[in-house]
Amino acid sequence: MEDLTQTISNLVGIGLGIVGAVGVGFFIYGAYLYLTASGAPHQMERGKSAMMTALAGVVLAMVAYGVVELVMNAVVGSPVEIDVPNPATPTPTSG
């Protein structure tokens, strides 16, 4: 089970790296469109749209990474132990 967890973690890390690189490249492309628009409203809007899409994609990829980690920890991680005081056990009092 440890090998499967490590493999999934590695694949998710590689995928996040690829999505991040593509997102940064797309953001740079949008910035290029915006900066070379020379005042053309349509070109400026295309550049802004490309930058916002790239930013949304990177944020979505990070949220997906967080969900995968949460699920992996819930499935494979150690169980949560809740410390409930036993009412039959006397508690020390000061005085």
N, C-alpha and C. Protein backbone atom coordinates (compact mmCIF):
# COMPACT_ATOMS: atom_id res chain seq x y z
N MET A 1 0.83 -1.19 0.00
CA MET A 1 0.00 0.00 0.00
C MET A 1 0.87 1.25 0.00
N GLU A 2 2.02 1.16 0.65
CA GLU A 2 2.94 2.30 0.71
C GLU A 2 3.46 2.66 -0.69
N ASP A 3 3.75 1.63 -1.50
CA ASP A 3 4.22 1.88 -2.86
C ASP A 3 3.15 2.56 -3.71
N LEU A 4 1.90 2.12 -3.57
CA LEU A 4 0.79 2.71 -4.31
C LEU A 4 0.60 4.18 -3.92
N THR A 5 0.68 4.44 -2.63
CA THR A 5 0.55 5.82 -2.14
C THR A 5 1.66 6.69 -2.70
N GLN A 6 2.88 6.19 -2.68
CA GLN A 6 4.01 6.95 -3.19
C GLN A 6 3.88 7.18 -4.69
N THR A 7 3.42 6.18 -5.43
CA THR A 7 3.24 6.32 -6.87
C THR A 7 2.18 7.37 -7.20
N ILE A 8 1.06 7.31 -6.50
CA ILE A 8 0.01 8.30 -6.73
C ILE A 8 0.51 9.70 -6.38
N SER A 9 1.21 9.81 -5.28
CA SER A 9 1.76 11.11 -4.88
C SER A 9 2.74 11.64 -5.93
N ASN A 10 3.58 10.77 -6.46
CA ASN A 10 4.53 11.18 -7.50
C ASN A 10 3.80 11.63 -8.77
N LEU A 11 2.77 10.88 -9.18
CA LEU A 11 2.02 11.23 -10.38
C LEU A 11 1.29 12.56 -10.22
N VAL A 12 0.73 12.78 -9.05
CA VAL A 12 0.05 14.04 -8.79
C VAL A 12 1.06 15.20 -8.80
N GLY A 13 2.22 14.98 -8.23
CA GLY A 13 3.26 16.01 -8.24
C GLY A 13 3.73 16.34 -9.65
N ILE A 14 3.92 15.32 -10.47
CA ILE A 14 4.33 15.54 -11.85
C ILE A 14 3.24 16.27 -12.62
N GLY A 15 2.00 15.84 -12.43
CA GLY A 15 0.88 16.50 -13.10
C GLY A 15 0.75 17.96 -12.69
N LEU A 16 0.92 18.24 -11.40
CA LEU A 16 0.85 19.62 -10.93
C LEU A 16 1.97 20.45 -11.52
N GLY A 17 3.15 19.87 -11.66
CA GLY A 17 4.26 20.59 -12.28
C GLY A 17 3.98 20.92 -13.75
N ILE A 18 3.41 19.96 -14.46
CA ILE A 18 3.07 20.20 -15.87
C ILE A 18 2.00 21.27 -15.99
N VAL A 19 0.97 21.18 -15.17
CA VAL A 19 -0.11 22.17 -15.21
C VAL A 19 0.43 23.55 -14.85
N GLY A 20 1.31 23.61 -13.88
CA GLY A 20 1.91 24.89 -13.50
C GLY A 20 2.73 25.49 -14.63
N ALA A 21 3.52 24.66 -15.30
CA ALA A 21 4.34 25.17 -16.41
C ALA A 21 3.47 25.65 -17.57
N VAL A 22 2.43 24.89 -17.89
CA VAL A 22 1.53 25.30 -18.96
C VAL A 22 0.79 26.58 -18.57
N GLY A 23 0.38 26.66 -17.31
CA GLY A 23 -0.31 27.85 -16.83
C GLY A 23 0.55 29.09 -16.90
N VAL A 24 1.80 28.97 -16.50
CA VAL A 24 2.72 30.11 -16.57
C VAL A 24 2.97 30.49 -18.03
N GLY A 25 3.13 29.50 -18.89
CA GLY A 25 3.32 29.80 -20.31
C GLY A 25 2.12 30.50 -20.91
N PHE A 26 0.93 30.05 -20.56
CA PHE A 26 -0.29 30.67 -21.06
C PHE A 26 -0.45 32.09 -20.51
N PHE A 27 -0.05 32.28 -19.25
CA PHE A 27 -0.11 33.62 -18.65
C PHE A 27 0.85 34.57 -19.38
N ILE A 28 2.05 34.08 -19.69
CA ILE A 28 3.02 34.91 -20.42
C ILE A 28 2.49 35.22 -21.82
N TYR A 29 1.84 34.27 -22.46
CA TYR A 29 1.24 34.50 -23.77
C TYR A 29 0.17 35.60 -23.67
N GLY A 30 -0.67 35.53 -22.65
CA GLY A 30 -1.69 36.55 -22.45
C GLY A 30 -1.09 37.92 -22.19
N ALA A 31 -0.03 37.95 -21.40
CA ALA A 31 0.65 39.22 -21.13
C ALA A 31 1.26 39.77 -22.41
N TYR A 32 1.81 38.91 -23.25
CA TYR A 32 2.37 39.34 -24.52
C TYR A 32 1.27 39.94 -25.41
N LEU A 33 0.12 39.27 -25.48
CA LEU A 33 -0.99 39.80 -26.27
C LEU A 33 -1.42 41.17 -25.75
N TYR A 34 -1.50 41.29 -24.45
CA TYR A 34 -1.95 42.55 -23.84
C TYR A 34 -0.95 43.67 -24.10
N LEU A 35 0.34 43.36 -23.95
CA LEU A 35 1.36 44.41 -24.09
C LEU A 35 1.58 44.82 -25.55
N THR A 36 1.32 43.92 -26.47
CA THR A 36 1.53 44.25 -27.89
C THR A 36 0.23 44.67 -28.58
N ALA A 37 -0.81 44.94 -27.81
CA ALA A 37 -2.11 45.30 -28.41
C ALA A 37 -2.08 46.68 -29.05
N SER A 38 -1.21 47.55 -28.63
CA SER A 38 -1.12 48.92 -29.15
C SER A 38 -2.47 49.65 -29.09
N GLY A 39 -3.19 49.41 -28.00
CA GLY A 39 -4.45 50.11 -27.80
C GLY A 39 -5.65 49.48 -28.45
N ALA A 40 -5.50 48.38 -29.17
CA ALA A 40 -6.63 47.70 -29.81
C ALA A 40 -7.46 47.01 -28.72
N PRO A 41 -8.70 47.42 -28.52
CA PRO A 41 -9.50 46.87 -27.42
C PRO A 41 -9.71 45.36 -27.52
N HIS A 42 -9.92 44.85 -28.73
CA HIS A 42 -10.14 43.42 -28.88
C HIS A 42 -8.90 42.62 -28.47
N GLN A 43 -7.74 43.09 -28.88
CA GLN A 43 -6.49 42.40 -28.54
C GLN A 43 -6.21 42.48 -27.04
N MET A 44 -6.48 43.63 -26.44
CA MET A 44 -6.28 43.78 -25.00
C MET A 44 -7.21 42.84 -24.24
N GLU A 45 -8.44 42.72 -24.71
CA GLU A 45 -9.41 41.84 -24.05
C GLU A 45 -8.98 40.38 -24.19
N ARG A 46 -8.43 39.99 -25.34
CA ARG A 46 -7.93 38.62 -25.51
C ARG A 46 -6.77 38.35 -24.55
N GLY A 47 -5.90 39.33 -24.38
CA GLY A 47 -4.77 39.16 -23.45
C GLY A 47 -5.23 39.03 -22.01
N LYS A 48 -6.17 39.89 -21.60
CA LYS A 48 -6.70 39.80 -20.24
C LYS A 48 -7.41 38.47 -20.01
N SER A 49 -8.17 38.05 -21.00
CA SER A 49 -8.89 36.79 -20.87
C SER A 49 -7.92 35.61 -20.75
N ALA A 50 -6.85 35.63 -21.53
CA ALA A 50 -5.86 34.55 -21.47
C ALA A 50 -5.18 34.53 -20.10
N MET A 51 -4.85 35.70 -19.57
CA MET A 51 -4.20 35.74 -18.26
C MET A 51 -5.14 35.26 -17.15
N MET A 52 -6.40 35.66 -17.20
CA MET A 52 -7.35 35.23 -16.18
C MET A 52 -7.63 33.73 -16.28
N THR A 53 -7.70 33.21 -17.49
CA THR A 53 -7.91 31.78 -17.67
C THR A 53 -6.73 30.98 -17.13
N ALA A 54 -5.52 31.46 -17.39
CA ALA A 54 -4.32 30.79 -16.88
C ALA A 54 -4.30 30.81 -15.36
N LEU A 55 -4.62 31.95 -14.78
CA LEU A 55 -4.64 32.07 -13.33
C LEU A 55 -5.70 31.14 -12.72
N ALA A 56 -6.88 31.11 -13.32
CA ALA A 56 -7.93 30.22 -12.83
C ALA A 56 -7.53 28.76 -12.95
N GLY A 57 -6.84 28.40 -14.03
CA GLY A 57 -6.39 27.03 -14.20
C GLY A 57 -5.37 26.61 -13.16
N VAL A 58 -4.44 27.49 -12.84
CA VAL A 58 -3.43 27.16 -11.84
C VAL A 58 -4.08 27.05 -10.46
N VAL A 59 -5.00 27.95 -10.14
CA VAL A 59 -5.69 27.87 -8.85
C VAL A 59 -6.51 26.59 -8.77
N LEU A 60 -7.20 26.24 -9.84
CA LEU A 60 -7.98 25.01 -9.86
C LEU A 60 -7.08 23.78 -9.69
N ALA A 61 -5.90 23.81 -10.29
CA ALA A 61 -4.97 22.68 -10.14
C ALA A 61 -4.50 22.57 -8.69
N MET A 62 -4.27 23.69 -8.04
CA MET A 62 -3.85 23.65 -6.63
C MET A 62 -4.97 23.14 -5.73
N VAL A 63 -6.20 23.53 -6.02
CA VAL A 63 -7.34 23.03 -5.25
C VAL A 63 -7.48 21.52 -5.47
N ALA A 64 -7.31 21.07 -6.70
CA ALA A 64 -7.38 19.64 -6.99
C ALA A 64 -6.29 18.88 -6.25
N TYR A 65 -5.10 19.46 -6.18
CA TYR A 65 -4.00 18.84 -5.43
C TYR A 65 -4.37 18.71 -3.95
N GLY A 66 -4.96 19.76 -3.40
CA GLY A 66 -5.38 19.72 -2.01
C GLY A 66 -6.44 18.66 -1.76
N VAL A 67 -7.38 18.51 -2.68
CA VAL A 67 -8.42 17.49 -2.53
C VAL A 67 -7.81 16.10 -2.60
N VAL A 68 -6.89 15.89 -3.53
CA VAL A 68 -6.24 14.58 -3.64
C VAL A 68 -5.47 14.26 -2.37
N GLU A 69 -4.74 15.23 -1.83
CA GLU A 69 -3.99 15.00 -0.60
C GLU A 69 -4.94 14.72 0.57
N LEU A 70 -6.05 15.43 0.63
CA LEU A 70 -7.03 15.20 1.69
C LEU A 70 -7.60 13.80 1.62
N VAL A 71 -7.95 13.37 0.42
CA VAL A 71 -8.50 12.02 0.25
C VAL A 71 -7.44 10.96 0.56
N MET A 72 -6.22 11.18 0.10
CA MET A 72 -5.15 10.21 0.37
C MET A 72 -4.89 10.10 1.87
N ASN A 73 -4.88 11.23 2.57
CA ASN A 73 -4.67 11.18 4.02
C ASN A 73 -5.84 10.51 4.73
N ALA A 74 -7.05 10.71 4.22
CA ALA A 74 -8.22 10.08 4.84
C ALA A 74 -8.22 8.57 4.61
N VAL A 75 -7.77 8.14 3.44
CA VAL A 75 -7.80 6.71 3.12
C VAL A 75 -6.60 5.98 3.72
N VAL A 76 -5.43 6.56 3.62
CA VAL A 76 -4.21 5.87 4.00
C VAL A 76 -3.66 6.34 5.34
N GLY A 77 -3.95 7.58 5.70
CA GLY A 77 -3.37 8.17 6.90
C GLY A 77 -3.79 7.47 8.17
N SER A 78 -3.15 7.85 9.25
CA SER A 78 -3.46 7.25 10.54
C SER A 78 -4.82 7.75 11.03
N PRO A 79 -5.53 6.92 11.73
CA PRO A 79 -6.85 7.33 12.22
C PRO A 79 -6.72 8.45 13.25
N VAL A 80 -7.73 9.27 13.31
CA VAL A 80 -7.75 10.37 14.27
C VAL A 80 -8.21 9.81 15.60
N GLU A 81 -7.43 10.07 16.64
CA GLU A 81 -7.80 9.61 17.97
C GLU A 81 -8.34 10.79 18.75
N ILE A 82 -9.52 10.62 19.30
CA ILE A 82 -10.14 11.68 20.08
C ILE A 82 -9.96 11.34 21.55
N ASP A 83 -9.40 12.27 22.29
CA ASP A 83 -9.14 12.06 23.71
C ASP A 83 -10.36 12.52 24.49
N VAL A 84 -11.17 11.54 24.90
CA VAL A 84 -12.37 11.84 25.67
C VAL A 84 -12.09 11.48 27.12
N PRO A 85 -12.26 12.42 28.03
CA PRO A 85 -12.01 12.09 29.43
C PRO A 85 -13.04 11.10 29.96
N ASN A 86 -12.58 10.18 30.76
CA ASN A 86 -13.43 9.17 31.35
C ASN A 86 -14.04 9.74 32.64
N PRO A 87 -15.37 9.84 32.72
CA PRO A 87 -15.96 10.43 33.92
C PRO A 87 -15.76 9.58 35.18
N ALA A 88 -15.45 8.30 35.03
CA ALA A 88 -15.25 7.45 36.21
C ALA A 88 -13.89 7.68 36.83
N THR A 89 -12.96 8.28 36.08
CA THR A 89 -11.63 8.53 36.61
C THR A 89 -11.62 9.86 37.34
N PRO A 90 -11.20 9.86 38.60
CA PRO A 90 -11.16 11.13 39.34
C PRO A 90 -10.08 12.05 38.78
N THR A 91 -10.40 13.32 38.69
CA THR A 91 -9.44 14.30 38.22
C THR A 91 -8.75 14.94 39.41
N PRO A 92 -7.45 15.17 39.29
CA PRO A 92 -6.74 15.79 40.42
C PRO A 92 -7.23 17.23 40.62
N THR A 93 -7.40 17.57 41.89
CA THR A 93 -7.80 18.93 42.22
C THR A 93 -6.70 19.59 43.04
N SER A 94 -6.59 20.87 42.86
CA SER A 94 -5.58 21.57 43.64
C SER A 94 -6.24 22.14 44.88
N GLY A 95 -5.55 22.07 45.99
CA GLY A 95 -6.12 22.68 47.16
C GLY A 95 -5.83 22.02 48.41
